Amino acid sequence: TTFLKSYDINGIKKTANNFVKLFIEIIKKVREKNVM
């Protein structure tokens, strides 16, 4: 169970990082559109 918990935490962290990167990309695109 300890292995499972640590794996879940790592998976959640990776997913969170991917969401943050995606979010930043979207914000950049929106800002570029607003500038134009």
Protein backbone atom coordinates (compact mmCIF):
# COMPACT_ATOMS: atom_id res chain seq x y z
CA THR A 1 0.00 0.00 0.00
CA THR A 2 2.93 2.35 0.69
CA PHE A 3 4.20 1.81 -2.87
CA LEU A 4 0.73 2.52 -4.25
CA LYS A 5 0.41 5.74 -2.25
CA SER A 6 3.80 7.07 -3.39
CA TYR A 7 2.95 6.12 -6.99
CA ASP A 8 -0.37 7.96 -6.74
CA ILE A 9 1.37 11.09 -5.39
CA ASN A 10 3.91 11.01 -8.24
CA GLY A 11 1.14 10.50 -10.79
CA ILE A 12 -0.86 13.40 -9.35
CA LYS A 13 2.22 15.65 -9.40
CA LYS A 14 2.94 14.77 -13.05
CA THR A 15 -0.70 15.39 -13.98
CA ALA A 16 -0.71 18.71 -12.11
CA ASN A 17 2.50 19.78 -13.88
CA ASN A 18 0.97 18.92 -17.26
CA PHE A 19 -2.17 20.90 -16.42
CA VAL A 20 -0.06 23.91 -15.38
CA LYS A 21 1.95 23.78 -18.62
CA LEU A 22 -1.24 23.50 -20.66
CA PHE A 23 -2.80 26.38 -18.71
CA ILE A 24 0.27 28.59 -19.30
CA GLU A 25 0.18 27.83 -23.05
CA ILE A 26 -3.52 28.80 -23.19
CA ILE A 27 -2.85 32.05 -21.28
CA LYS A 28 0.00 32.92 -23.68
CA LYS A 29 -2.26 32.36 -26.71
CA VAL A 30 -5.07 34.41 -25.18
CA ARG A 31 -2.68 37.26 -24.37
CA GLU A 32 -1.32 37.24 -27.93
CA LYS A 33 -4.87 37.47 -29.31
CA ASN A 34 -5.70 40.33 -26.92
CA VAL A 35 -2.54 42.20 -27.95
CA MET A 36 -3.53 41.98 -31.61
